[in-house]
Amino acid sequence: MIENQQPGTSQWRLSAKGTDAVGQIKGYASATSVNKGGNITFYVSVNPAAQNYTIDVYRIGWYQGLGGRLMQSIGPLIGVQQPTCPTDATTGMIECQWAPAYTLATQTSWTSGIYLALLT
């Protein structure tokens, strides 16, 4: 079956804006791109500490006009509150030094494309 003819979902779409308020989950990835079969590490912080979260990985595409396909659901995972990320006073760059939260081994069967990891 052609990839974009696989079953789709619109659950990848963000439904709410994040703030620095209680109940927040935020994170970043170790790389912007990995080859299929490669690993990517996620760095996640939660507020308050020790709240559970999930990582849902979607491939973005047509999928009957729904825009994405769920490839893998991870969790629930127990989150930790990571330290505040310092801002460089000269450049304004923010660089976090967080501990790894989860490493995903991508599947060799995944089609190349744009993937999105949704933290909830």
C-alpha atoms as a PDB file:
ATOM      1  CA  MET A   1       0.000   0.000   0.000  1.00  0.00           C
ATOM      2  CA  ILE A   2       1.240   3.501  -0.811  1.00  0.00           C
ATOM      3  CA  GLU A   3       2.276   5.362   2.372  1.00  0.00           C
ATOM      4  CA  ASN A   4      -0.218   8.235   2.066  1.00  0.00           C
ATOM      5  CA  GLN A   5      -3.053   5.712   1.590  1.00  0.00           C
ATOM      6  CA  GLN A   6      -2.460   4.376   5.116  1.00  0.00           C
ATOM      7  CA  PRO A   7      -5.072   5.273   7.784  1.00  0.00           C
ATOM      8  CA  GLY A   8      -4.701   8.846   9.015  1.00  0.00           C
ATOM      9  CA  THR A   9      -5.558  10.943  12.046  1.00  0.00           C
ATOM     10  CA  SER A  10      -5.836  14.608  12.966  1.00  0.00           C
ATOM     11  CA  GLN A  11      -4.738  13.952  16.575  1.00  0.00           C
ATOM     12  CA  TRP A  12      -1.264  15.343  15.796  1.00  0.00           C
ATOM     13  CA  ARG A  13      -2.631  18.896  15.635  1.00  0.00           C
ATOM     14  CA  LEU A  14      -1.921  21.092  18.642  1.00  0.00           C
ATOM     15  CA  SER A  15      -5.138  21.990  20.410  1.00  0.00           C
ATOM     16  CA  ALA A  16      -3.872  24.400  23.074  1.00  0.00           C
ATOM     17  CA  LYS A  17      -1.091  26.925  23.546  1.00  0.00           C
ATOM     18  CA  GLY A  18       1.540  26.176  26.148  1.00  0.00           C
ATOM     19  CA  THR A  19       2.491  28.546  28.937  1.00  0.00           C
ATOM     20  CA  ASP A  20       4.908  28.342  31.832  1.00  0.00           C
ATOM     21  CA  ALA A  21       1.987  27.496  34.119  1.00  0.00           C
ATOM     22  CA  VAL A  22       1.435  24.348  36.156  1.00  0.00           C
ATOM     23  CA  GLY A  23       0.756  21.231  34.108  1.00  0.00           C
ATOM     24  CA  GLN A  24       3.238  22.105  31.405  1.00  0.00           C
ATOM     25  CA  ILE A  25       5.239  19.572  29.398  1.00  0.00           C
ATOM     26  CA  LYS A  26       8.066  20.863  27.215  1.00  0.00           C
ATOM     27  CA  GLY A  27      10.941  19.252  25.418  1.00  0.00           C
ATOM     28  CA  TYR A  28      13.384  19.118  22.552  1.00  0.00           C
ATOM     29  CA  ALA A  29      15.133  16.454  20.475  1.00  0.00           C
ATOM     30  CA  SER A  30      18.813  15.579  20.106  1.00  0.00           C
ATOM     31  CA  ALA A  31      18.704  16.078  16.327  1.00  0.00           C
ATOM     32  CA  THR A  32      16.555  17.659  13.635  1.00  0.00           C
ATOM     33  CA  SER A  33      16.980  14.632  11.383  1.00  0.00           C
ATOM     34  CA  VAL A  34      17.830  10.936  11.723  1.00  0.00           C
ATOM     35  CA  ASN A  35      18.034   8.145   9.182  1.00  0.00           C
ATOM     36  CA  LYS A  36      15.460   5.362   9.424  1.00  0.00           C
ATOM     37  CA  GLY A  37      16.688   2.794  11.913  1.00  0.00           C
ATOM     38  CA  GLY A  38      18.604   5.515  13.789  1.00  0.00           C
ATOM     39  CA  ASN A  39      18.089   6.780  17.330  1.00  0.00           C
ATOM     40  CA  ILE A  40      16.797  10.145  18.498  1.00  0.00           C
ATOM     41  CA  THR A  41      16.805  11.243  22.135  1.00  0.00           C
ATOM     42  CA  PHE A  42      14.118  13.423  23.693  1.00  0.00           C
ATOM     43  CA  TYR A  43      14.775  15.802  26.582  1.00  0.00           C
ATOM     44  CA  VAL A  44      11.586  16.551  28.515  1.00  0.00           C
ATOM     45  CA  SER A  45      10.682  18.691  31.519  1.00  0.00           C
ATOM     46  CA  VAL A  46       7.357  18.697  33.357  1.00  0.00           C
ATOM     47  CA  ASN A  47       5.823  21.132  35.835  1.00  0.00           C
ATOM     48  CA  PRO A  48       4.888  19.963  38.415  1.00  0.00           C
ATOM     49  CA  ALA A  49       7.578  17.308  38.748  1.00  0.00           C
ATOM     50  CA  ALA A  50       6.709  13.607  38.512  1.00  0.00           C
ATOM     51  CA  GLN A  51       3.644  14.025  36.293  1.00  0.00           C
ATOM     52  CA  ASN A  52       3.127  11.369  33.632  1.00  0.00           C
ATOM     53  CA  TYR A  53       3.381  12.184  29.934  1.00  0.00           C
ATOM     54  CA  THR A  54       3.321  10.396  26.590  1.00  0.00           C
ATOM     55  CA  ILE A  55       5.216  10.835  23.330  1.00  0.00           C
ATOM     56  CA  ASP A  56       3.177  10.184  20.187  1.00  0.00           C
ATOM     57  CA  VAL A  57       5.178  10.055  16.951  1.00  0.00           C
ATOM     58  CA  TYR A  58       3.346  11.015  13.746  1.00  0.00           C
ATOM     59  CA  ARG A  59       4.415  11.044  10.111  1.00  0.00           C
ATOM     60  CA  ILE A  60       3.039  14.158   8.400  1.00  0.00           C
ATOM     61  CA  GLY A  61       1.366  13.648   5.009  1.00  0.00           C
ATOM     62  CA  TRP A  62      -1.943  13.545   3.126  1.00  0.00           C
ATOM     63  CA  TYR A  63      -3.594  10.546   4.830  1.00  0.00           C
ATOM     64  CA  GLN A  64      -7.143  11.167   3.511  1.00  0.00           C
ATOM     65  CA  GLY A  65      -6.782  14.894   4.265  1.00  0.00           C
ATOM     66  CA  LEU A  66      -6.194  14.283   7.989  1.00  0.00           C
ATOM     67  CA  GLY A  67      -2.564  15.366   7.778  1.00  0.00           C
ATOM     68  CA  GLY A  68      -0.793  12.682   9.806  1.00  0.00           C
ATOM     69  CA  ARG A  69      -0.398   9.026  10.703  1.00  0.00           C
ATOM     70  CA  LEU A  70       0.354   7.711  14.199  1.00  0.00           C
ATOM     71  CA  MET A  71       3.555   5.677  13.952  1.00  0.00           C
ATOM     72  CA  GLN A  72       4.284   4.965  17.619  1.00  0.00           C
ATOM     73  CA  SER A  73       2.878   5.830  21.040  1.00  0.00           C
ATOM     74  CA  ILE A  74       5.282   5.819  23.994  1.00  0.00           C
ATOM     75  CA  GLY A  75       4.350   5.909  27.649  1.00  0.00           C
ATOM     76  CA  PRO A  76       3.058   6.868  29.998  1.00  0.00           C
ATOM     77  CA  LEU A  77       6.486   8.007  31.164  1.00  0.00           C
ATOM     78  CA  ILE A  78       7.242   9.615  34.528  1.00  0.00           C
ATOM     79  CA  GLY A  79       8.516  13.137  33.984  1.00  0.00           C
ATOM     80  CA  VAL A  80      10.983  15.182  35.980  1.00  0.00           C
ATOM     81  CA  GLN A  81      11.310  18.923  36.312  1.00  0.00           C
ATOM     82  CA  GLN A  82      14.569  19.878  34.584  1.00  0.00           C
ATOM     83  CA  PRO A  83      16.640  22.950  35.535  1.00  0.00           C
ATOM     84  CA  THR A  84      15.864  26.354  34.046  1.00  0.00           C
ATOM     85  CA  CYS A  85      17.642  26.975  30.746  1.00  0.00           C
ATOM     86  CA  PRO A  86      20.132  29.860  30.909  1.00  0.00           C
ATOM     87  CA  THR A  87      20.047  32.692  28.364  1.00  0.00           C
ATOM     88  CA  ASP A  88      23.320  34.045  26.978  1.00  0.00           C
ATOM     89  CA  ALA A  89      23.239  37.785  27.764  1.00  0.00           C
ATOM     90  CA  THR A  90      25.231  38.663  24.626  1.00  0.00           C
ATOM     91  CA  THR A  91      23.557  36.522  21.965  1.00  0.00           C
ATOM     92  CA  GLY A  92      20.173  35.828  23.566  1.00  0.00           C
ATOM     93  CA  MET A  93      20.625  32.125  22.807  1.00  0.00           C
ATOM     94  CA  ILE A  94      18.890  29.754  25.205  1.00  0.00           C
ATOM     95  CA  GLU A  95      20.692  26.439  25.663  1.00  0.00           C
ATOM     96  CA  CYS A  96      19.310  23.753  27.974  1.00  0.00           C
ATOM     97  CA  GLN A  97      21.526  21.102  29.532  1.00  0.00           C
ATOM     98  CA  TRP A  98      18.795  18.621  30.415  1.00  0.00           C
ATOM     99  CA  ALA A  99      19.139  14.935  31.205  1.00  0.00           C
ATOM    100  CA  PRO A 100      17.820  12.567  28.501  1.00  0.00           C
ATOM    101  CA  ALA A 101      14.223  11.446  29.059  1.00  0.00           C
ATOM    102  CA  TYR A 102      13.710   8.837  26.326  1.00  0.00           C
ATOM    103  CA  THR A 103      15.612   7.479  23.318  1.00  0.00           C
ATOM    104  CA  LEU A 104      13.513   6.334  20.370  1.00  0.00           C
ATOM    105  CA  ALA A 105      14.900   3.724  17.984  1.00  0.00           C
ATOM    106  CA  THR A 106      13.208   4.556  14.681  1.00  0.00           C
ATOM    107  CA  GLN A 107      12.048   1.638  12.567  1.00  0.00           C
ATOM    108  CA  THR A 108      13.836   0.705   9.341  1.00  0.00           C
ATOM    109  CA  SER A 109      10.381   0.232   7.782  1.00  0.00           C
ATOM    110  CA  TRP A 110       9.407   3.895   8.316  1.00  0.00           C
ATOM    111  CA  THR A 111       9.149   5.872   5.084  1.00  0.00           C
ATOM    112  CA  SER A 112      11.375   8.937   4.859  1.00  0.00           C
ATOM    113  CA  GLY A 113       9.533  12.190   5.469  1.00  0.00           C
ATOM    114  CA  ILE A 114       8.596  14.703   8.134  1.00  0.00           C
ATOM    115  CA  TYR A 115       7.841  13.312  11.582  1.00  0.00           C
ATOM    116  CA  LEU A 116       6.424  15.089  14.615  1.00  0.00           C
ATOM    117  CA  ALA A 117       6.715  14.048  18.276  1.00  0.00           C
ATOM    118  CA  LEU A 118       3.756  15.273  20.345  1.00  0.00           C
ATOM    119  CA  LEU A 119       4.200  15.476  24.129  1.00  0.00           C
ATOM    120  CA  THR A 120       0.963  15.175  26.122  1.00  0.00           C
END
